[in-house]
Amino acid sequence: MGQDLRSFIDQAKRAKPDDVVVVKKEVDPAYEITALVVKLERELKRRPILIFENVKGTKFPVITNLHANRGRLGSPVTAVPIANMLIKRSPAQWEVKFPMLRSWYGVGMRRGDADLLQWVNTFVMFHLQNGDLAKIYEKWIGSPLPPVPAL
C-alpha cells in the first residue's frame, strides 16, 4: 500500500472504485457522518472509505472507514514474513513499499553466564561468516538478512 494517506486512498480507489465514496454536500460532524457510516453498513452491507469534503464548522475534510474491512486493515502494515507470504500467494495484489521498523531477533540467557555468551557469539559469528545465517534467515523470514550489529 501507499506510503502516505493520499496514495493509500488512491490505491484503494484503483483496486475497488466503489470502496471510496466522496461526499460533497455539507454534513454536520455531530450526527450526520456517523449516521451515514451506520446506514451504509447496516442497510447496504458496505464499508467504503468515506471522504466528507464539506464539514460544517471546519475547513478540513473528514475521512473515515480507512480500515473498516479486513483487506484494508491488514494491507498497510504487517510483519515482513507475513507480507512475503501474501506476496507469494497473490503477487498482483500485494507489494512491500518500505520497511517502517526493523525488528531484531535475540537470544536470552542468564546474566553473568560468560561461557554461554561466548558460545552463542562464536556460533553466530561462525554461521554469519560462512553464509548459513543468511540462508536460514532468508528461508524463514523471506527477505535478505539485514546488517548484523557488531558482537
Protein backbone atom coordinates (compact mmCIF):
# COMPACT_ATOMS: atom_id res chain seq x y z
CA MET A 1 0.00 0.00 0.00
CA GLY A 2 0.95 3.63 -0.23
CA GLN A 3 3.45 5.44 1.93
CA ASP A 4 1.04 8.24 2.77
CA LEU A 5 -2.70 8.77 3.16
CA ARG A 6 -3.27 10.07 -0.38
CA SER A 7 -1.50 7.16 -2.04
CA PHE A 8 -3.28 4.70 0.28
CA ILE A 9 -6.67 6.11 -0.80
CA ASP A 10 -5.62 6.24 -4.48
CA GLN A 11 -4.55 2.61 -4.39
CA ALA A 12 -7.80 1.59 -2.67
CA LYS A 13 -9.73 3.50 -5.37
CA ARG A 14 -7.78 1.79 -8.18
CA ALA A 15 -8.27 -1.64 -6.64
CA LYS A 16 -12.01 -1.20 -5.98
CA PRO A 17 -13.52 2.08 -7.21
CA ASP A 18 -16.70 1.55 -5.15
CA ASP A 19 -14.60 1.35 -1.97
CA VAL A 20 -14.02 5.12 -1.92
CA VAL A 21 -17.04 7.45 -1.62
CA VAL A 22 -16.65 11.24 -1.73
CA VAL A 23 -19.49 13.19 -0.08
CA LYS A 24 -19.59 16.75 -1.39
CA LYS A 25 -22.72 18.06 0.38
CA GLU A 26 -22.32 19.80 3.74
CA VAL A 27 -22.59 17.43 6.70
CA ASP A 28 -22.89 18.02 10.42
CA PRO A 29 -19.96 16.31 12.17
CA ALA A 30 -22.02 15.69 15.32
CA TYR A 31 -24.55 13.27 13.80
CA GLU A 32 -24.61 13.02 10.04
CA ILE A 33 -21.21 11.43 9.48
CA THR A 34 -21.88 8.64 11.96
CA ALA A 35 -25.42 8.16 10.62
CA LEU A 36 -24.14 7.68 7.07
CA VAL A 37 -21.46 5.22 8.16
CA VAL A 38 -24.03 3.18 10.12
CA LYS A 39 -26.58 3.29 7.29
CA LEU A 40 -24.09 2.05 4.69
CA GLU A 41 -23.03 -0.77 6.96
CA ARG A 42 -26.47 -1.89 8.15
CA GLU A 43 -28.60 -1.38 5.07
CA LEU A 44 -26.18 -1.86 2.21
CA LYS A 45 -23.56 -4.05 3.95
CA ARG A 46 -20.83 -1.71 2.68
CA ARG A 47 -17.81 -0.26 4.44
CA PRO A 48 -16.22 2.13 1.93
CA ILE A 49 -13.67 4.79 2.74
CA LEU A 50 -15.75 7.94 3.19
CA ILE A 51 -14.33 11.37 2.39
CA PHE A 52 -16.51 14.25 3.58
CA GLU A 53 -15.29 17.35 1.74
CA ASN A 54 -17.68 19.89 3.26
CA VAL A 55 -17.91 19.50 7.04
CA LYS A 56 -19.88 22.11 8.94
CA GLY A 57 -17.70 24.28 11.19
CA THR A 58 -14.31 23.39 9.69
CA LYS A 59 -12.35 23.90 6.50
CA PHE A 60 -10.82 20.43 6.85
CA PRO A 61 -12.27 17.32 5.24
CA VAL A 62 -13.09 14.26 7.33
CA ILE A 63 -12.00 10.80 6.25
CA THR A 64 -13.41 7.73 7.95
CA ASN A 65 -13.59 3.95 7.49
CA LEU A 66 -9.99 3.70 6.28
CA HIS A 67 -9.59 0.29 7.87
CA ALA A 68 -13.21 -0.83 8.06
CA ASN A 69 -12.65 -4.08 6.20
CA ARG A 70 -10.10 -6.85 6.61
CA GLY A 71 -8.37 -6.19 3.31
CA ARG A 72 -7.63 -2.56 4.07
CA LEU A 73 -6.89 -3.25 7.72
CA GLY A 74 -4.15 -5.76 7.02
CA SER A 75 -2.64 -4.16 3.98
CA PRO A 76 -0.77 -1.08 5.17
CA VAL A 77 1.28 -2.62 7.93
CA THR A 78 2.27 -6.20 8.58
CA ALA A 79 5.30 -8.23 9.59
CA VAL A 80 7.80 -8.95 6.82
CA PRO A 81 7.28 -12.75 6.87
CA ILE A 82 3.50 -12.30 6.57
CA ALA A 83 3.89 -9.72 3.81
CA ASN A 84 6.20 -12.05 1.90
CA MET A 85 3.72 -14.93 2.28
CA LEU A 86 0.88 -12.72 0.96
CA ILE A 87 3.01 -11.62 -1.99
CA LYS A 88 3.90 -15.23 -2.79
CA ARG A 89 0.21 -16.23 -2.74
CA SER A 90 -1.12 -13.23 -4.71
CA PRO A 91 1.74 -11.26 -6.29
CA ALA A 92 -0.59 -8.96 -8.26
CA GLN A 93 -2.45 -7.89 -5.13
CA TRP A 94 0.40 -7.07 -2.72
CA GLU A 95 3.68 -5.21 -2.67
CA VAL A 96 6.07 -4.02 0.02
CA LYS A 97 6.79 -0.31 -0.30
CA PHE A 98 9.19 0.30 2.56
CA PRO A 99 10.07 -1.11 5.98
CA MET A 100 8.69 1.04 8.79
CA LEU A 101 10.55 -0.74 11.53
CA ARG A 102 13.35 -3.26 11.68
CA SER A 103 12.92 -5.87 14.38
CA TRP A 104 15.95 -7.59 15.81
CA TYR A 105 15.92 -11.18 16.93
CA GLY A 106 17.87 -12.10 20.02
CA VAL A 107 18.89 -14.88 22.34
CA GLY A 108 18.02 -14.59 26.01
CA MET A 109 20.35 -16.01 28.61
CA ARG A 110 21.11 -15.76 32.29
CA ARG A 111 23.05 -12.63 33.24
CA GLY A 112 26.69 -13.35 34.02
CA ASP A 113 26.86 -16.69 32.13
CA ALA A 114 30.07 -15.81 30.28
CA ASP A 115 30.58 -19.32 28.88
CA LEU A 116 27.14 -19.43 27.25
CA LEU A 117 27.53 -15.86 25.95
CA GLN A 118 30.89 -16.78 24.38
CA TRP A 119 29.43 -19.95 22.84
CA VAL A 120 26.42 -18.09 21.34
CA ASN A 121 28.60 -15.25 20.00
CA THR A 122 31.00 -17.77 18.43
CA PHE A 123 28.12 -19.75 16.92
CA VAL A 124 26.52 -16.62 15.44
CA MET A 125 29.83 -15.29 14.08
CA PHE A 126 30.77 -18.66 12.53
CA HIS A 127 27.40 -19.06 10.79
CA LEU A 128 27.34 -15.39 9.77
CA GLN A 129 30.76 -15.69 8.12
CA ASN A 130 30.05 -18.94 6.28
CA GLY A 131 26.68 -17.68 4.98
CA ASP A 132 24.49 -20.17 6.85
CA LEU A 133 22.81 -17.48 8.96
CA ALA A 134 21.81 -15.53 5.83
CA LYS A 135 20.37 -18.68 4.23
CA ILE A 136 18.40 -19.59 7.36
CA TYR A 137 17.09 -16.04 7.74
CA GLU A 138 16.04 -15.86 4.08
CA LYS A 139 14.33 -19.26 4.28
CA TRP A 140 12.24 -18.45 7.37
CA ILE A 141 11.81 -14.67 7.18
CA GLY A 142 11.60 -14.42 3.40
CA SER A 143 13.92 -11.48 2.94
CA PRO A 144 17.69 -10.92 2.97
CA LEU A 145 19.47 -10.80 6.31
CA PRO A 146 19.90 -7.15 7.32
CA PRO A 147 23.30 -5.92 8.52
CA VAL A 148 24.09 -7.55 11.84
CA PRO A 149 25.34 -5.37 14.71
CA ALA A 150 28.94 -5.96 15.79
CA LEU A 151 29.34 -8.55 18.50
